[in-house]
Amino acid sequence: EVRTSLVPDVFGGNMDTPEMAAGATCYLRVNVPGALFSLGDGRAARFAFALSVVAVEGAMNVTVIVDLIKGGGGPAWPRLETDTHLMCVGSGRPLE
């Protein structure tokens, strides 16, 4: 069975959000047995133009801590927290 994280959804996926940066905490619900957590697609810079979005990808040097919060079910959509903000990351299809 193929699982893709290319399209963002309730499980996270390719969220492409600049708020996912050093010091941010991301809450994701477990959607499949074993969770199947992956991380990638580091962004050195991102530029928004009228017709497209262009990104400069680069290597990542990160420390990731994964904790399982049992019994809560997790948020309906990915949630980000920083020292100053609480954010919900929403996605939908089609994105036209």
PDB file of N, CA and C in Angstrom:
ATOM      1  N   GLU A   1       0.845  -1.183   0.000  1.00  0.00           N
ATOM      2  CA  GLU A   1       0.000   0.000   0.000  1.00  0.00           C
ATOM      3  C   GLU A   1       0.888   1.243   0.000  1.00  0.00           C
ATOM      4  N   VAL A   2       0.582   2.166  -0.862  1.00  0.00           N
ATOM      5  CA  VAL A   2       1.353   3.400  -0.983  1.00  0.00           C
ATOM      6  C   VAL A   2       0.763   4.467  -0.076  1.00  0.00           C
ATOM      7  N   ARG A   3       1.618   5.149   0.658  1.00  0.00           N
ATOM      8  CA  ARG A   3       1.205   6.292   1.481  1.00  0.00           C
ATOM      9  C   ARG A   3       2.005   7.490   1.003  1.00  0.00           C
ATOM     10  N   THR A   4       1.347   8.598   0.781  1.00  0.00           N
ATOM     11  CA  THR A   4       2.033   9.792   0.311  1.00  0.00           C
ATOM     12  C   THR A   4       1.850  10.937   1.298  1.00  0.00           C
ATOM     13  N   SER A   5       2.863  11.767   1.393  1.00  0.00           N
ATOM     14  CA  SER A   5       2.752  12.971   2.218  1.00  0.00           C
ATOM     15  C   SER A   5       2.865  14.218   1.348  1.00  0.00           C
ATOM     16  N   LEU A   6       2.781  14.037   0.021  1.00  0.00           N
ATOM     17  CA  LEU A   6       2.934  15.158  -0.897  1.00  0.00           C
ATOM     18  C   LEU A   6       1.850  16.211  -0.690  1.00  0.00           C
ATOM     19  N   VAL A   7       0.606  15.786  -0.577  1.00  0.00           N
ATOM     20  CA  VAL A   7      -0.508  16.720  -0.385  1.00  0.00           C
ATOM     21  C   VAL A   7      -0.779  16.848   1.108  1.00  0.00           C
ATOM     22  N   PRO A   8      -0.777  18.071   1.650  1.00  0.00           N
ATOM     23  CA  PRO A   8      -1.061  18.233   3.079  1.00  0.00           C
ATOM     24  C   PRO A   8      -2.497  17.840   3.404  1.00  0.00           C
ATOM     25  N   ASP A   9      -2.692  17.360   4.623  1.00  0.00           N
ATOM     26  CA  ASP A   9      -4.022  16.935   5.057  1.00  0.00           C
ATOM     27  C   ASP A   9      -4.023  16.917   6.578  1.00  0.00           C
ATOM     28  N   VAL A  10      -4.987  16.237   7.185  1.00  0.00           N
ATOM     29  CA  VAL A  10      -5.107  16.208   8.639  1.00  0.00           C
ATOM     30  C   VAL A  10      -3.887  15.585   9.312  1.00  0.00           C
ATOM     31  N   PHE A  11      -3.126  14.764   8.591  1.00  0.00           N
ATOM     32  CA  PHE A  11      -1.956  14.087   9.154  1.00  0.00           C
ATOM     33  C   PHE A  11      -0.693  14.937   9.083  1.00  0.00           C
ATOM     34  N   GLY A  12      -0.755  16.098   8.487  1.00  0.00           N
ATOM     35  CA  GLY A  12       0.421  16.945   8.293  1.00  0.00           C
ATOM     36  C   GLY A  12       0.780  16.968   6.831  1.00  0.00           C
ATOM     37  N   GLY A  13       1.754  16.158   6.455  1.00  0.00           N
ATOM     38  CA  GLY A  13       2.164  16.118   5.058  1.00  0.00           C
ATOM     39  C   GLY A  13       3.000  17.326   4.677  1.00  0.00           C
ATOM     40  N   ASN A  14       2.947  17.691   3.432  1.00  0.00           N
ATOM     41  CA  ASN A  14       3.755  18.773   2.878  1.00  0.00           C
ATOM     42  C   ASN A  14       3.119  20.121   3.232  1.00  0.00           C
ATOM     43  N   MET A  15       3.266  20.538   4.485  1.00  0.00           N
ATOM     44  CA  MET A  15       2.573  21.738   4.972  1.00  0.00           C
ATOM     45  C   MET A  15       3.178  23.035   4.459  1.00  0.00           C
ATOM     46  N   ASP A  16       4.467  23.060   4.138  1.00  0.00           N
ATOM     47  CA  ASP A  16       5.118  24.259   3.576  1.00  0.00           C
ATOM     48  C   ASP A  16       4.747  25.542   4.304  1.00  0.00           C
ATOM     49  N   THR A  17       4.872  25.560   5.597  1.00  0.00           N
ATOM     50  CA  THR A  17       4.541  26.760   6.360  1.00  0.00           C
ATOM     51  C   THR A  17       5.792  27.321   7.024  1.00  0.00           C
ATOM     52  N   PRO A  18       6.065  28.618   6.826  1.00  0.00           N
ATOM     53  CA  PRO A  18       7.268  29.205   7.430  1.00  0.00           C
ATOM     54  C   PRO A  18       7.218  29.238   8.957  1.00  0.00           C
ATOM     55  N   GLU A  19       6.039  29.071   9.532  1.00  0.00           N
ATOM     56  CA  GLU A  19       5.918  29.050  10.992  1.00  0.00           C
ATOM     57  C   GLU A  19       6.497  27.779  11.607  1.00  0.00           C
ATOM     58  N   MET A  20       6.712  26.758  10.788  1.00  0.00           N
ATOM     59  CA  MET A  20       7.346  25.526  11.260  1.00  0.00           C
ATOM     60  C   MET A  20       8.850  25.776  11.276  1.00  0.00           C
ATOM     61  N   ALA A  21       9.305  26.392  12.340  1.00  0.00           N
ATOM     62  CA  ALA A  21      10.695  26.842  12.432  1.00  0.00           C
ATOM     63  C   ALA A  21      11.236  26.522  13.817  1.00  0.00           C
ATOM     64  N   ALA A  22      12.465  26.902  14.063  1.00  0.00           N
ATOM     65  CA  ALA A  22      13.104  26.652  15.355  1.00  0.00           C
ATOM     66  C   ALA A  22      12.227  27.156  16.488  1.00  0.00           C
ATOM     67  N   GLY A  23      12.016  26.317  17.484  1.00  0.00           N
ATOM     68  CA  GLY A  23      11.227  26.681  18.655  1.00  0.00           C
ATOM     69  C   GLY A  23       9.746  26.383  18.543  1.00  0.00           C
ATOM     70  N   ALA A  24       9.270  26.003  17.365  1.00  0.00           N
ATOM     71  CA  ALA A  24       7.845  25.697  17.191  1.00  0.00           C
ATOM     72  C   ALA A  24       7.561  24.261  17.630  1.00  0.00           C
ATOM     73  N   THR A  25       6.367  24.056  18.164  1.00  0.00           N
ATOM     74  CA  THR A  25       5.883  22.721  18.507  1.00  0.00           C
ATOM     75  C   THR A  25       4.726  22.404  17.577  1.00  0.00           C
ATOM     76  N   CYS A  26       4.747  21.225  16.974  1.00  0.00           N
ATOM     77  CA  CYS A  26       3.689  20.803  16.063  1.00  0.00           C
ATOM     78  C   CYS A  26       2.976  19.599  16.671  1.00  0.00           C
ATOM     79  N   TYR A  27       1.651  19.695  16.762  1.00  0.00           N
ATOM     80  CA  TYR A  27       0.834  18.584  17.255  1.00  0.00           C
ATOM     81  C   TYR A  27       0.132  17.935  16.069  1.00  0.00           C
ATOM     82  N   LEU A  28       0.336  16.628  15.910  1.00  0.00           N
ATOM     83  CA  LEU A  28      -0.300  15.852  14.852  1.00  0.00           C
ATOM     84  C   LEU A  28      -0.989  14.656  15.480  1.00  0.00           C
ATOM     85  N   ARG A  29      -2.136  14.278  14.950  1.00  0.00           N
ATOM     86  CA  ARG A  29      -2.780  13.068  15.454  1.00  0.00           C
ATOM     87  C   ARG A  29      -2.204  11.852  14.739  1.00  0.00           C
ATOM     88  N   VAL A  30      -2.240  10.723  15.390  1.00  0.00           N
ATOM     89  CA  VAL A  30      -1.793   9.471  14.779  1.00  0.00           C
ATOM     90  C   VAL A  30      -2.940   8.958  13.920  1.00  0.00           C
ATOM     91  N   ASN A  31      -2.680   8.735  12.632  1.00  0.00           N
ATOM     92  CA  ASN A  31      -3.724   8.327  11.697  1.00  0.00           C
ATOM     93  C   ASN A  31      -3.629   6.880  11.247  1.00  0.00           C
ATOM     94  N   VAL A  32      -2.467   6.253  11.453  1.00  0.00           N
ATOM     95  CA  VAL A  32      -2.284   4.856  11.068  1.00  0.00           C
ATOM     96  C   VAL A  32      -1.474   4.158  12.151  1.00  0.00           C
ATOM     97  N   PRO A  33      -1.627   2.849  12.314  1.00  0.00           N
ATOM     98  CA  PRO A  33      -0.807   2.134  13.285  1.00  0.00           C
ATOM     99  C   PRO A  33       0.679   2.351  13.000  1.00  0.00           C
ATOM    100  N   GLY A  34       1.430   2.653  14.028  1.00  0.00           N
ATOM    101  CA  GLY A  34       2.855   2.906  13.872  1.00  0.00           C
ATOM    102  C   GLY A  34       3.200   4.349  13.566  1.00  0.00           C
ATOM    103  N   ALA A  35       2.218   5.169  13.281  1.00  0.00           N
ATOM    104  CA  ALA A  35       2.324   6.614  13.044  1.00  0.00           C
ATOM    105  C   ALA A  35       2.997   6.981  11.727  1.00  0.00           C
ATOM    106  N   LEU A  36       4.048   6.266  11.289  1.00  0.00           N
ATOM    107  CA  LEU A  36       4.737   6.528  10.028  1.00  0.00           C
ATOM    108  C   LEU A  36       5.219   7.967   9.915  1.00  0.00           C
ATOM    109  N   PHE A  37       5.898   8.459  10.923  1.00  0.00           N
ATOM    110  CA  PHE A  37       6.405   9.834  10.946  1.00  0.00           C
ATOM    111  C   PHE A  37       7.577  10.004   9.987  1.00  0.00           C
ATOM    112  N   SER A  38       7.570  11.085   9.233  1.00  0.00           N
ATOM    113  CA  SER A  38       8.712  11.422   8.377  1.00  0.00           C
ATOM    114  C   SER A  38       8.911  12.932   8.382  1.00  0.00           C
ATOM    115  N   LEU A  39      10.110  13.347   8.015  1.00  0.00           N
ATOM    116  CA  LEU A  39      10.470  14.763   8.048  1.00  0.00           C
ATOM    117  C   LEU A  39      11.369  15.042   6.862  1.00  0.00           C
ATOM    118  N   GLY A  40      11.157  16.174   6.202  1.00  0.00           N
ATOM    119  CA  GLY A  40      12.023  16.494   5.077  1.00  0.00           C
ATOM    120  C   GLY A  40      11.654  17.804   4.420  1.00  0.00           C
ATOM    121  N   ASP A  41      12.246  18.049   3.257  1.00  0.00           N
ATOM    122  CA  ASP A  41      11.914  19.212   2.438  1.00  0.00           C
ATOM    123  C   ASP A  41      12.258  20.518   3.142  1.00  0.00           C
ATOM    124  N   GLY A  42      13.505  20.635   3.617  1.00  0.00           N
ATOM    125  CA  GLY A  42      13.929  21.852   4.308  1.00  0.00           C
ATOM    126  C   GLY A  42      13.979  23.050   3.381  1.00  0.00           C
ATOM    127  N   ARG A  43      13.534  24.186   3.862  1.00  0.00           N
ATOM    128  CA  ARG A  43      13.484  25.395   3.042  1.00  0.00           C
ATOM    129  C   ARG A  43      14.501  26.412   3.514  1.00  0.00           C
ATOM    130  N   ALA A  44      15.373  26.842   2.599  1.00  0.00           N
ATOM    131  CA  ALA A  44      16.314  27.916   2.891  1.00  0.00           C
ATOM    132  C   ALA A  44      15.640  29.262   2.660  1.00  0.00           C
ATOM    133  N   ALA A  45      14.720  29.314   1.704  1.00  0.00           N
ATOM    134  CA  ALA A  45      13.976  30.543   1.401  1.00  0.00           C
ATOM    135  C   ALA A  45      12.750  30.178   0.588  1.00  0.00           C
ATOM    136  N   ARG A  46      11.749  31.062   0.610  1.00  0.00           N
ATOM    137  CA  ARG A  46      10.536  30.846  -0.165  1.00  0.00           C
ATOM    138  C   ARG A  46      10.074  32.186  -0.697  1.00  0.00           C
ATOM    139  N   PHE A  47       9.679  32.194  -1.959  1.00  0.00           N
ATOM    140  CA  PHE A  47       9.265  33.431  -2.606  1.00  0.00           C
ATOM    141  C   PHE A  47       7.893  33.220  -3.229  1.00  0.00           C
ATOM    142  N   ALA A  48       6.971  34.138  -3.018  1.00  0.00           N
ATOM    143  CA  ALA A  48       5.632  34.044  -3.599  1.00  0.00           C
ATOM    144  C   ALA A  48       5.514  35.036  -4.752  1.00  0.00           C
ATOM    145  N   PHE A  49       5.139  34.526  -5.905  1.00  0.00           N
ATOM    146  CA  PHE A  49       4.913  35.358  -7.080  1.00  0.00           C
ATOM    147  C   PHE A  49       3.450  35.249  -7.478  1.00  0.00           C
ATOM    148  N   ALA A  50       3.024  36.038  -8.440  1.00  0.00           N
ATOM    149  CA  ALA A  50       1.617  36.073  -8.836  1.00  0.00           C
ATOM    150  C   ALA A  50       1.107  34.720  -9.318  1.00  0.00           C
ATOM    151  N   LEU A  51       1.923  33.982 -10.059  1.00  0.00           N
ATOM    152  CA  LEU A  51       1.437  32.743 -10.654  1.00  0.00           C
ATOM    153  C   LEU A  51       1.999  31.474 -10.029  1.00  0.00           C
ATOM    154  N   SER A  52       3.029  31.599  -9.220  1.00  0.00           N
ATOM    155  CA  SER A  52       3.610  30.392  -8.642  1.00  0.00           C
ATOM    156  C   SER A  52       4.343  30.719  -7.358  1.00  0.00           C
ATOM    157  N   VAL A  53       4.723  29.682  -6.667  1.00  0.00           N
ATOM    158  CA  VAL A  53       5.534  29.817  -5.462  1.00  0.00           C
ATOM    159  C   VAL A  53       6.841  29.085  -5.719  1.00  0.00           C
ATOM    160  N   VAL A  54       7.948  29.759  -5.493  1.00  0.00           N
ATOM    161  CA  VAL A  54       9.266  29.189  -5.734  1.00  0.00           C
ATOM    162  C   VAL A  54       9.974  29.039  -4.394  1.00  0.00           C
ATOM    163  N   ALA A  55      10.604  27.895  -4.185  1.00  0.00           N
ATOM    164  CA  ALA A  55      11.316  27.655  -2.931  1.00  0.00           C
ATOM    165  C   ALA A  55      12.756  27.260  -3.222  1.00  0.00           C
ATOM    166  N   VAL A  56      13.643  27.645  -2.325  1.00  0.00           N
ATOM    167  CA  VAL A  56      15.035  27.210  -2.369  1.00  0.00           C
ATOM    168  C   VAL A  56      15.199  26.182  -1.262  1.00  0.00           C
ATOM    169  N   GLU A  57      15.398  24.931  -1.646  1.00  0.00           N
ATOM    170  CA  GLU A  57      15.508  23.866  -0.663  1.00  0.00           C
ATOM    171  C   GLU A  57      16.960  23.658  -0.270  1.00  0.00           C
ATOM    172  N   GLY A  58      17.162  23.212   0.955  1.00  0.00           N
ATOM    173  CA  GLY A  58      18.518  23.004   1.439  1.00  0.00           C
ATOM    174  C   GLY A  58      18.563  21.922   2.501  1.00  0.00           C
ATOM    175  N   ALA A  59      19.763  21.621   2.930  1.00  0.00           N
ATOM    176  CA  ALA A  59      19.962  20.617   3.974  1.00  0.00           C
ATOM    177  C   ALA A  59      19.424  21.128   5.304  1.00  0.00           C
ATOM    178  N   MET A  60      19.039  20.201   6.169  1.00  0.00           N
ATOM    179  CA  MET A  60      18.544  20.556   7.495  1.00  0.00           C
ATOM    180  C   MET A  60      19.462  19.959   8.547  1.00  0.00           C
ATOM    181  N   ASN A  61      19.706  20.708   9.594  1.00  0.00           N
ATOM    182  CA  ASN A  61      20.417  20.222  10.768  1.00  0.00           C
ATOM    183  C   ASN A  61      19.480  20.483  11.937  1.00  0.00           C
ATOM    184  N   VAL A  62      18.691  19.483  12.309  1.00  0.00           N
ATOM    185  CA  VAL A  62      17.631  19.681  13.294  1.00  0.00           C
ATOM    186  C   VAL A  62      17.689  18.634  14.395  1.00  0.00           C
ATOM    187  N   THR A  63      17.115  18.983  15.509  1.00  0.00           N
ATOM    188  CA  THR A  63      16.853  18.034  16.579  1.00  0.00           C
ATOM    189  C   THR A  63      15.343  17.945  16.717  1.00  0.00           C
ATOM    190  N   VAL A  64      14.807  16.744  16.597  1.00  0.00           N
ATOM    191  CA  VAL A  64      13.362  16.535  16.672  1.00  0.00           C
ATOM    192  C   VAL A  64      13.068  15.654  17.873  1.00  0.00           C
ATOM    193  N   ILE A  65      12.123  16.075  18.686  1.00  0.00           N
ATOM    194  CA  ILE A  65      11.671  15.287  19.830  1.00  0.00           C
ATOM    195  C   ILE A  65      10.234  14.876  19.551  1.00  0.00           C
ATOM    196  N   VAL A  66       9.968  13.579  19.585  1.00  0.00           N
ATOM    197  CA  VAL A  66       8.624  13.067  19.329  1.00  0.00           C
ATOM    198  C   VAL A  66       8.086  12.469  20.616  1.00  0.00           C
ATOM    199  N   ASP A  67       6.946  12.961  21.061  1.00  0.00           N
ATOM    200  CA  ASP A  67       6.258  12.434  22.240  1.00  0.00           C
ATOM    201  C   ASP A  67       4.882  11.947  21.824  1.00  0.00           C
ATOM    202  N   LEU A  68       4.418  10.879  22.421  1.00  0.00           N
ATOM    203  CA  LEU A  68       3.070  10.386  22.198  1.00  0.00           C
ATOM    204  C   LEU A  68       2.207  10.814  23.369  1.00  0.00           C
ATOM    205  N   ILE A  69       1.157  11.571  23.089  1.00  0.00           N
ATOM    206  CA  ILE A  69       0.204  11.987  24.122  1.00  0.00           C
ATOM    207  C   ILE A  69      -0.962  11.014  24.044  1.00  0.00           C
ATOM    208  N   LYS A  70      -1.035  10.107  24.991  1.00  0.00           N
ATOM    209  CA  LYS A  70      -2.038   9.041  24.941  1.00  0.00           C
ATOM    210  C   LYS A  70      -3.402   9.519  25.422  1.00  0.00           C
ATOM    211  N   GLY A  71      -4.437   8.952  24.813  1.00  0.00           N
ATOM    212  CA  GLY A  71      -5.798   9.162  25.284  1.00  0.00           C
ATOM    213  C   GLY A  71      -6.473  10.432  24.817  1.00  0.00           C
ATOM    214  N   GLY A  72      -5.759  11.321  24.162  1.00  0.00           N
ATOM    215  CA  GLY A  72      -6.360  12.586  23.762  1.00  0.00           C
ATOM    216  C   GLY A  72      -6.913  12.599  22.360  1.00  0.00           C
ATOM    217  N   GLY A  73      -6.449  11.699  21.506  1.00  0.00           N
ATOM    218  CA  GLY A  73      -6.925  11.676  20.133  1.00  0.00           C
ATOM    219  C   GLY A  73      -6.222  12.667  19.225  1.00  0.00           C
ATOM    220  N   GLY A  74      -5.688  13.732  19.769  1.00  0.00           N
ATOM    221  CA  GLY A  74      -4.976  14.723  18.972  1.00  0.00           C
ATOM    222  C   GLY A  74      -5.902  15.722  18.321  1.00  0.00           C
ATOM    223  N   PRO A  75      -5.336  16.797  17.790  1.00  0.00           N
ATOM    224  CA  PRO A  75      -6.149  17.837  17.159  1.00  0.00           C
ATOM    225  C   PRO A  75      -6.729  17.350  15.830  1.00  0.00           C
ATOM    226  N   ALA A  76      -7.833  17.944  15.408  1.00  0.00           N
ATOM    227  CA  ALA A  76      -8.455  17.573  14.136  1.00  0.00           C
ATOM    228  C   ALA A  76      -7.558  17.937  12.958  1.00  0.00           C
ATOM    229  N   TRP A  77      -6.800  19.021  13.072  1.00  0.00           N
ATOM    230  CA  TRP A  77      -5.849  19.463  12.056  1.00  0.00           C
ATOM    231  C   TRP A  77      -4.514  19.727  12.734  1.00  0.00           C
ATOM    232  N   PRO A  78      -3.413  19.725  11.990  1.00  0.00           N
ATOM    233  CA  PRO A  78      -2.119  20.039  12.602  1.00  0.00           C
ATOM    234  C   PRO A  78      -2.169  21.375  13.337  1.00  0.00           C
ATOM    235  N   ARG A  79      -1.603  21.392  14.525  1.00  0.00           N
ATOM    236  CA  ARG A  79      -1.577  22.617  15.334  1.00  0.00           C
ATOM    237  C   ARG A  79      -0.132  22.976  15.632  1.00  0.00           C
ATOM    238  N   LEU A  80       0.203  24.246  15.472  1.00  0.00           N
ATOM    239  CA  LEU A  80       1.536  24.750  15.776  1.00  0.00           C
ATOM    240  C   LEU A  80       1.452  25.692  16.953  1.00  0.00           C
ATOM    241  N   GLU A  81       2.459  25.631  17.804  1.00  0.00           N
ATOM    242  CA  GLU A  81       2.555  26.555  18.933  1.00  0.00           C
ATOM    243  C   GLU A  81       3.955  27.146  18.963  1.00  0.00           C
ATOM    244  N   THR A  82       4.017  28.457  19.198  1.00  0.00           N
ATOM    245  CA  THR A  82       5.283  29.134  19.463  1.00  0.00           C
ATOM    246  C   THR A  82       5.118  29.879  20.779  1.00  0.00           C
ATOM    247  N   ASP A  83       6.135  30.602  21.182  1.00  0.00           N
ATOM    248  CA  ASP A  83       6.037  31.381  22.418  1.00  0.00           C
ATOM    249  C   ASP A  83       4.967  32.459  22.330  1.00  0.00           C
ATOM    250  N   THR A  84       4.607  32.873  21.116  1.00  0.00           N
ATOM    251  CA  THR A  84       3.672  33.990  20.960  1.00  0.00           C
ATOM    252  C   THR A  84       2.383  33.651  20.232  1.00  0.00           C
ATOM    253  N   HIS A  85       2.295  32.480  19.570  1.00  0.00           N
ATOM    254  CA  HIS A  85       1.123  32.185  18.746  1.00  0.00           C
ATOM    255  C   HIS A  85       0.657  30.735  18.897  1.00  0.00           C
ATOM    256  N   LEU A  86      -0.654  30.540  18.725  1.00  0.00           N
ATOM    257  CA  LEU A  86      -1.273  29.226  18.547  1.00  0.00           C
ATOM    258  C   LEU A  86      -1.848  29.234  17.141  1.00  0.00           C
ATOM    259  N   MET A  87      -1.508  28.236  16.319  1.00  0.00           N
ATOM    260  CA  MET A  87      -1.922  28.236  14.918  1.00  0.00           C
ATOM    261  C   MET A  87      -2.502  26.888  14.523  1.00  0.00           C
ATOM    262  N   CYS A  88      -3.504  26.902  13.669  1.00  0.00           N
ATOM    263  CA  CYS A  88      -4.062  25.696  13.072  1.00  0.00           C
ATOM    264  C   CYS A  88      -3.698  25.713  11.596  1.00  0.00           C
ATOM    265  N   VAL A  89      -3.138  24.614  11.103  1.00  0.00           N
ATOM    266  CA  VAL A  89      -2.752  24.514   9.700  1.00  0.00           C
ATOM    267  C   VAL A  89      -3.864  23.775   8.972  1.00  0.00           C
ATOM    268  N   GLY A  90      -4.561  24.457   8.076  1.00  0.00           N
ATOM    269  CA  GLY A  90      -5.666  23.852   7.343  1.00  0.00           C
ATOM    270  C   GLY A  90      -5.321  23.672   5.877  1.00  0.00           C
ATOM    271  N   SER A  91      -5.870  22.642   5.270  1.00  0.00           N
ATOM    272  CA  SER A  91      -5.653  22.370   3.853  1.00  0.00           C
ATOM    273  C   SER A  91      -6.957  21.884   3.260  1.00  0.00           C
ATOM    274  N   GLY A  92      -7.110  22.052   1.971  1.00  0.00           N
ATOM    275  CA  GLY A  92      -8.316  21.577   1.312  1.00  0.00           C
ATOM    276  C   GLY A  92      -8.042  21.258  -0.137  1.00  0.00           C
ATOM    277  N   ARG A  93      -8.911  20.474  -0.727  1.00  0.00           N
ATOM    278  CA  ARG A  93      -8.808  20.130  -2.143  1.00  0.00           C
ATOM    279  C   ARG A  93     -10.130  20.416  -2.811  1.00  0.00           C
ATOM    280  N   PRO A  94     -10.180  20.930  -4.002  1.00  0.00           N
ATOM    281  CA  PRO A  94      -9.029  21.421  -4.763  1.00  0.00           C
ATOM    282  C   PRO A  94      -8.568  22.777  -4.235  1.00  0.00           C
ATOM    283  N   LEU A  95      -7.337  23.118  -4.528  1.00  0.00           N
ATOM    284  CA  LEU A  95      -6.772  24.388  -4.085  1.00  0.00           C
ATOM    285  C   LEU A  95      -6.745  25.397  -5.224  1.00  0.00           C
ATOM    286  N   GLU A  96      -7.681  25.323  -6.122  1.00  0.00           N
ATOM    287  CA  GLU A  96      -7.714  26.213  -7.293  1.00  0.00           C
ATOM    288  C   GLU A  96      -8.393  27.520  -6.970  1.00  0.00           C
TER     289      GLU A  96
END
